[in-house]
């Protein structure tokens, strides 16, 4: 995982597996990005993510809720499976399919 900040935007690049074993590191990074005077747009680049379980996806959803209404979280380059689960959970709006 890497985090790059630029003004009111941050890009979190994920690689490998996002599961209950790796989620705490992501949780720490995402909590840091949702504090006062932090980026208002968080883009999660999932191009190199090979697996995500409900714990990892839950972190993304929780972060999205914390950023609203003045900010947003977007998941870029999500695999078909990740996009489908987010959609089934009612969070299709998080998937950035550009």
N, C-alpha and C. Protein backbone atom coordinates (compact mmCIF):
# COMPACT_ATOMS: atom_id res chain seq x y z
N UNK A 1 0.84 -1.17 0.00
CA UNK A 1 0.00 0.00 0.00
C UNK A 1 0.89 1.24 0.00
N UNK A 2 0.45 2.22 -0.78
CA UNK A 2 1.12 3.51 -0.75
C UNK A 2 0.06 4.60 -0.80
N UNK A 3 0.40 5.75 -0.22
CA UNK A 3 -0.50 6.90 -0.19
C UNK A 3 0.23 8.10 -0.76
N UNK A 4 -0.39 8.76 -1.75
CA UNK A 4 0.17 9.97 -2.33
C UNK A 4 -0.87 11.07 -2.16
N UNK A 5 -0.46 12.16 -1.51
CA UNK A 5 -1.37 13.30 -1.29
C UNK A 5 -1.00 14.44 -2.22
N UNK A 6 -2.03 15.14 -2.67
CA UNK A 6 -1.84 16.31 -3.51
C UNK A 6 -3.00 17.25 -3.25
N UNK A 7 -2.77 18.26 -2.45
CA UNK A 7 -3.83 19.20 -2.10
C UNK A 7 -4.95 18.51 -1.35
N UNK A 8 -6.16 18.65 -1.86
CA UNK A 8 -7.34 18.05 -1.22
C UNK A 8 -7.68 16.68 -1.80
N UNK A 9 -6.68 16.03 -2.38
CA UNK A 9 -6.88 14.71 -3.00
C UNK A 9 -5.77 13.77 -2.53
N UNK A 10 -6.15 12.53 -2.31
CA UNK A 10 -5.17 11.50 -1.96
C UNK A 10 -5.46 10.26 -2.78
N UNK A 11 -4.41 9.59 -3.21
CA UNK A 11 -4.54 8.33 -3.93
C UNK A 11 -3.90 7.25 -3.08
N UNK A 12 -4.69 6.22 -2.77
CA UNK A 12 -4.22 5.07 -2.01
C UNK A 12 -4.10 3.91 -2.99
N UNK A 13 -2.89 3.44 -3.20
CA UNK A 13 -2.67 2.32 -4.13
C UNK A 13 -2.56 1.03 -3.32
N UNK A 14 -3.42 0.08 -3.68
CA UNK A 14 -3.43 -1.21 -3.01
C UNK A 14 -2.86 -2.27 -3.93
N UNK A 15 -2.16 -3.24 -3.35
CA UNK A 15 -1.61 -4.35 -4.12
C UNK A 15 -1.72 -5.61 -3.27
N UNK A 16 -1.94 -6.73 -3.92
CA UNK A 16 -2.03 -8.00 -3.20
C UNK A 16 -3.42 -8.21 -2.64
N UNK A 17 -3.47 -8.72 -1.43
CA UNK A 17 -4.74 -9.07 -0.80
C UNK A 17 -5.15 -8.06 0.27
N UNK A 18 -6.44 -7.75 0.30
CA UNK A 18 -7.02 -6.90 1.33
C UNK A 18 -7.99 -7.77 2.12
N UNK A 19 -7.54 -8.20 3.28
CA UNK A 19 -8.36 -9.10 4.10
C UNK A 19 -8.17 -8.75 5.57
N UNK A 20 -8.70 -9.59 6.43
CA UNK A 20 -8.64 -9.29 7.86
C UNK A 20 -7.20 -9.18 8.39
N UNK A 21 -6.25 -9.79 7.70
CA UNK A 21 -4.85 -9.72 8.14
C UNK A 21 -4.19 -8.41 7.71
N UNK A 22 -4.59 -7.87 6.56
CA UNK A 22 -3.95 -6.66 6.05
C UNK A 22 -4.78 -5.40 6.27
N UNK A 23 -6.03 -5.56 6.65
CA UNK A 23 -6.94 -4.42 6.82
C UNK A 23 -6.48 -3.40 7.87
N UNK A 24 -5.86 -3.81 8.98
CA UNK A 24 -5.46 -2.79 9.96
C UNK A 24 -4.53 -1.71 9.41
N UNK A 25 -3.62 -2.07 8.53
CA UNK A 25 -2.73 -1.08 7.93
C UNK A 25 -3.52 -0.08 7.08
N UNK A 26 -4.45 -0.60 6.29
CA UNK A 26 -5.30 0.28 5.48
C UNK A 26 -6.18 1.13 6.37
N UNK A 27 -6.72 0.55 7.43
CA UNK A 27 -7.58 1.31 8.33
C UNK A 27 -6.85 2.51 8.92
N UNK A 28 -5.61 2.31 9.33
CA UNK A 28 -4.81 3.41 9.88
C UNK A 28 -4.63 4.51 8.84
N UNK A 29 -4.30 4.13 7.62
CA UNK A 29 -4.09 5.12 6.56
C UNK A 29 -5.39 5.87 6.25
N UNK A 30 -6.50 5.16 6.17
CA UNK A 30 -7.77 5.80 5.84
C UNK A 30 -8.26 6.71 6.96
N UNK A 31 -8.05 6.30 8.21
CA UNK A 31 -8.42 7.18 9.33
C UNK A 31 -7.63 8.48 9.28
N UNK A 32 -6.36 8.38 8.92
CA UNK A 32 -5.51 9.57 8.81
C UNK A 32 -6.01 10.50 7.71
N UNK A 33 -6.60 9.93 6.67
CA UNK A 33 -7.07 10.74 5.54
C UNK A 33 -8.45 11.35 5.75
N UNK A 34 -9.12 11.00 6.84
CA UNK A 34 -10.47 11.53 7.06
C UNK A 34 -10.54 12.51 8.22
N UNK A 35 -9.41 12.87 8.75
CA UNK A 35 -9.40 13.85 9.85
C UNK A 35 -9.61 15.26 9.34
N UNK A 36 -9.67 16.22 10.27
CA UNK A 36 -9.82 17.62 9.89
C UNK A 36 -8.66 18.07 8.99
N UNK A 37 -8.95 18.94 8.05
CA UNK A 37 -7.94 19.50 7.14
C UNK A 37 -7.20 18.44 6.33
N UNK A 38 -7.87 17.34 6.06
CA UNK A 38 -7.28 16.27 5.24
C UNK A 38 -7.93 16.29 3.86
N UNK A 39 -7.41 15.48 2.94
CA UNK A 39 -8.00 15.46 1.59
C UNK A 39 -9.49 15.18 1.61
N UNK A 40 -10.21 15.79 0.70
CA UNK A 40 -11.67 15.59 0.61
C UNK A 40 -12.02 14.57 -0.45
N UNK A 41 -11.08 14.22 -1.30
CA UNK A 41 -11.30 13.17 -2.28
C UNK A 41 -10.22 12.11 -2.07
N UNK A 42 -10.67 10.90 -1.79
CA UNK A 42 -9.76 9.78 -1.62
C UNK A 42 -10.04 8.79 -2.74
N UNK A 43 -9.03 8.56 -3.56
CA UNK A 43 -9.14 7.60 -4.66
C UNK A 43 -8.37 6.36 -4.25
N UNK A 44 -9.06 5.23 -4.25
CA UNK A 44 -8.41 3.96 -3.95
C UNK A 44 -8.14 3.28 -5.29
N UNK A 45 -6.86 3.16 -5.62
CA UNK A 45 -6.45 2.51 -6.87
C UNK A 45 -6.33 1.01 -6.58
N UNK A 46 -7.27 0.25 -7.12
CA UNK A 46 -7.33 -1.19 -6.85
C UNK A 46 -6.81 -2.03 -8.02
N UNK A 47 -6.06 -1.42 -8.93
CA UNK A 47 -5.59 -2.13 -10.13
C UNK A 47 -4.75 -3.35 -9.78
N UNK A 48 -3.99 -3.29 -8.71
CA UNK A 48 -3.12 -4.41 -8.35
C UNK A 48 -3.66 -5.21 -7.17
N UNK A 49 -4.91 -4.98 -6.82
CA UNK A 49 -5.55 -5.74 -5.74
C UNK A 49 -6.01 -7.08 -6.30
N UNK A 50 -5.54 -8.17 -5.68
CA UNK A 50 -5.89 -9.50 -6.18
C UNK A 50 -7.05 -10.13 -5.44
N UNK A 51 -7.35 -9.63 -4.24
CA UNK A 51 -8.43 -10.21 -3.43
C UNK A 51 -8.86 -9.18 -2.40
N UNK A 52 -10.16 -9.14 -2.11
CA UNK A 52 -10.68 -8.27 -1.05
C UNK A 52 -11.82 -9.00 -0.37
N UNK A 53 -11.76 -9.08 0.96
CA UNK A 53 -12.86 -9.71 1.70
C UNK A 53 -13.77 -8.63 2.26
N UNK A 54 -14.79 -9.07 2.98
CA UNK A 54 -15.80 -8.15 3.50
C UNK A 54 -15.20 -7.15 4.50
N UNK A 55 -14.17 -7.54 5.21
CA UNK A 55 -13.53 -6.61 6.16
C UNK A 55 -12.89 -5.46 5.38
N UNK A 56 -12.16 -5.77 4.34
CA UNK A 56 -11.52 -4.73 3.54
C UNK A 56 -12.51 -3.83 2.84
N UNK A 57 -13.52 -4.43 2.23
CA UNK A 57 -14.54 -3.62 1.56
C UNK A 57 -15.33 -2.79 2.55
N UNK A 58 -15.54 -3.33 3.74
CA UNK A 58 -16.22 -2.57 4.79
C UNK A 58 -15.45 -1.32 5.17
N UNK A 59 -14.12 -1.40 5.19
CA UNK A 59 -13.30 -0.22 5.47
C UNK A 59 -13.51 0.87 4.43
N UNK A 60 -13.60 0.46 3.18
CA UNK A 60 -13.82 1.43 2.11
C UNK A 60 -15.18 2.09 2.26
N UNK A 61 -16.19 1.30 2.56
CA UNK A 61 -17.54 1.84 2.74
C UNK A 61 -17.59 2.77 3.94
N UNK A 62 -16.99 2.36 5.06
CA UNK A 62 -16.97 3.20 6.26
C UNK A 62 -16.26 4.53 6.00
N UNK A 63 -15.16 4.48 5.25
CA UNK A 63 -14.42 5.70 4.93
C UNK A 63 -15.26 6.61 4.06
N UNK A 64 -15.98 6.05 3.12
CA UNK A 64 -16.86 6.83 2.27
C UNK A 64 -17.89 7.58 3.11
N UNK A 65 -18.47 6.89 4.07
CA UNK A 65 -19.47 7.51 4.95
C UNK A 65 -18.84 8.63 5.78
N UNK A 66 -17.61 8.42 6.28
CA UNK A 66 -16.94 9.45 7.08
C UNK A 66 -16.62 10.70 6.25
N UNK A 67 -16.35 10.52 4.97
CA UNK A 67 -16.02 11.66 4.11
C UNK A 67 -17.23 12.47 3.69
N UNK A 68 -18.40 11.86 3.70
CA UNK A 68 -19.62 12.56 3.26
C UNK A 68 -20.04 13.58 4.30
N UNK A 69 -20.71 14.64 3.94
CA UNK A 69 -21.18 15.00 2.61
C UNK A 69 -20.19 15.87 1.84
N UNK A 70 -19.13 16.35 2.47
CA UNK A 70 -18.25 17.30 1.78
C UNK A 70 -17.11 16.64 1.03
N UNK A 71 -16.96 15.33 1.15
CA UNK A 71 -15.88 14.63 0.45
C UNK A 71 -16.39 13.35 -0.17
N UNK A 72 -15.48 12.63 -0.79
CA UNK A 72 -15.90 11.38 -1.42
C UNK A 72 -14.74 10.40 -1.51
N UNK A 73 -15.09 9.14 -1.57
CA UNK A 73 -14.14 8.06 -1.82
C UNK A 73 -14.54 7.40 -3.12
N UNK A 74 -13.57 7.13 -3.97
CA UNK A 74 -13.80 6.45 -5.24
C UNK A 74 -12.84 5.28 -5.34
N UNK A 75 -13.32 4.15 -5.86
CA UNK A 75 -12.49 2.97 -6.07
C UNK A 75 -12.23 2.86 -7.57
N UNK A 76 -10.99 3.07 -7.95
CA UNK A 76 -10.60 3.06 -9.36
C UNK A 76 -9.98 1.71 -9.73
N UNK A 77 -10.28 1.24 -10.92
CA UNK A 77 -9.71 0.00 -11.48
C UNK A 77 -10.05 -1.22 -10.63
N UNK A 78 -11.27 -1.23 -10.10
CA UNK A 78 -11.72 -2.37 -9.29
C UNK A 78 -11.93 -3.59 -10.18
N UNK A 79 -11.59 -4.74 -9.65
CA UNK A 79 -11.87 -5.97 -10.39
C UNK A 79 -13.37 -6.14 -10.51
N UNK A 80 -13.78 -7.01 -11.43
CA UNK A 80 -15.20 -7.26 -11.61
C UNK A 80 -15.84 -7.74 -10.31
N UNK A 81 -15.12 -8.59 -9.56
CA UNK A 81 -15.66 -9.13 -8.31
C UNK A 81 -15.83 -8.05 -7.25
N UNK A 82 -14.83 -7.20 -7.10
CA UNK A 82 -14.91 -6.11 -6.12
C UNK A 82 -16.06 -5.16 -6.49
N UNK A 83 -16.15 -4.80 -7.75
CA UNK A 83 -17.23 -3.91 -8.20
C UNK A 83 -18.58 -4.55 -7.96
N UNK A 84 -18.70 -5.83 -8.21
CA UNK A 84 -19.97 -6.52 -8.01
C UNK A 84 -20.38 -6.54 -6.54
N UNK A 85 -19.44 -6.85 -5.65
CA UNK A 85 -19.78 -6.89 -4.22
C UNK A 85 -20.18 -5.50 -3.74
N UNK A 86 -19.44 -4.47 -4.13
CA UNK A 86 -19.82 -3.11 -3.72
C UNK A 86 -21.21 -2.76 -4.24
N UNK A 87 -21.52 -3.18 -5.46
CA UNK A 87 -22.84 -2.93 -6.03
C UNK A 87 -23.92 -3.68 -5.25
N UNK A 88 -23.68 -4.95 -4.95
CA UNK A 88 -24.65 -5.74 -4.20
C UNK A 88 -24.89 -5.16 -2.80
N UNK A 89 -23.87 -4.54 -2.23
CA UNK A 89 -24.00 -3.93 -0.91
C UNK A 89 -24.63 -2.53 -0.97
N UNK A 90 -24.98 -2.08 -2.18
CA UNK A 90 -25.62 -0.78 -2.32
C UNK A 90 -24.65 0.37 -2.45
N UNK A 91 -23.42 0.09 -2.84
CA UNK A 91 -22.40 1.14 -2.93
C UNK A 91 -21.75 1.20 -4.31
N UNK A 92 -22.55 1.00 -5.33
CA UNK A 92 -22.04 1.07 -6.72
C UNK A 92 -21.45 2.44 -7.02
N UNK A 93 -21.94 3.48 -6.34
CA UNK A 93 -21.47 4.84 -6.58
C UNK A 93 -19.99 5.01 -6.23
N UNK A 94 -19.42 4.09 -5.47
CA UNK A 94 -18.01 4.17 -5.12
C UNK A 94 -17.09 3.75 -6.27
N UNK A 95 -17.62 2.95 -7.18
CA UNK A 95 -16.82 2.38 -8.25
C UNK A 95 -16.64 3.41 -9.35
N UNK A 96 -15.39 3.74 -9.62
CA UNK A 96 -15.03 4.68 -10.68
C UNK A 96 -14.58 3.84 -11.87
N UNK A 97 -15.44 3.68 -12.87
CA UNK A 97 -15.11 2.81 -13.98
C UNK A 97 -14.54 3.54 -15.18
N UNK A 98 -13.90 4.66 -14.91
CA UNK A 98 -13.20 5.38 -15.99
C UNK A 98 -11.92 4.66 -16.33
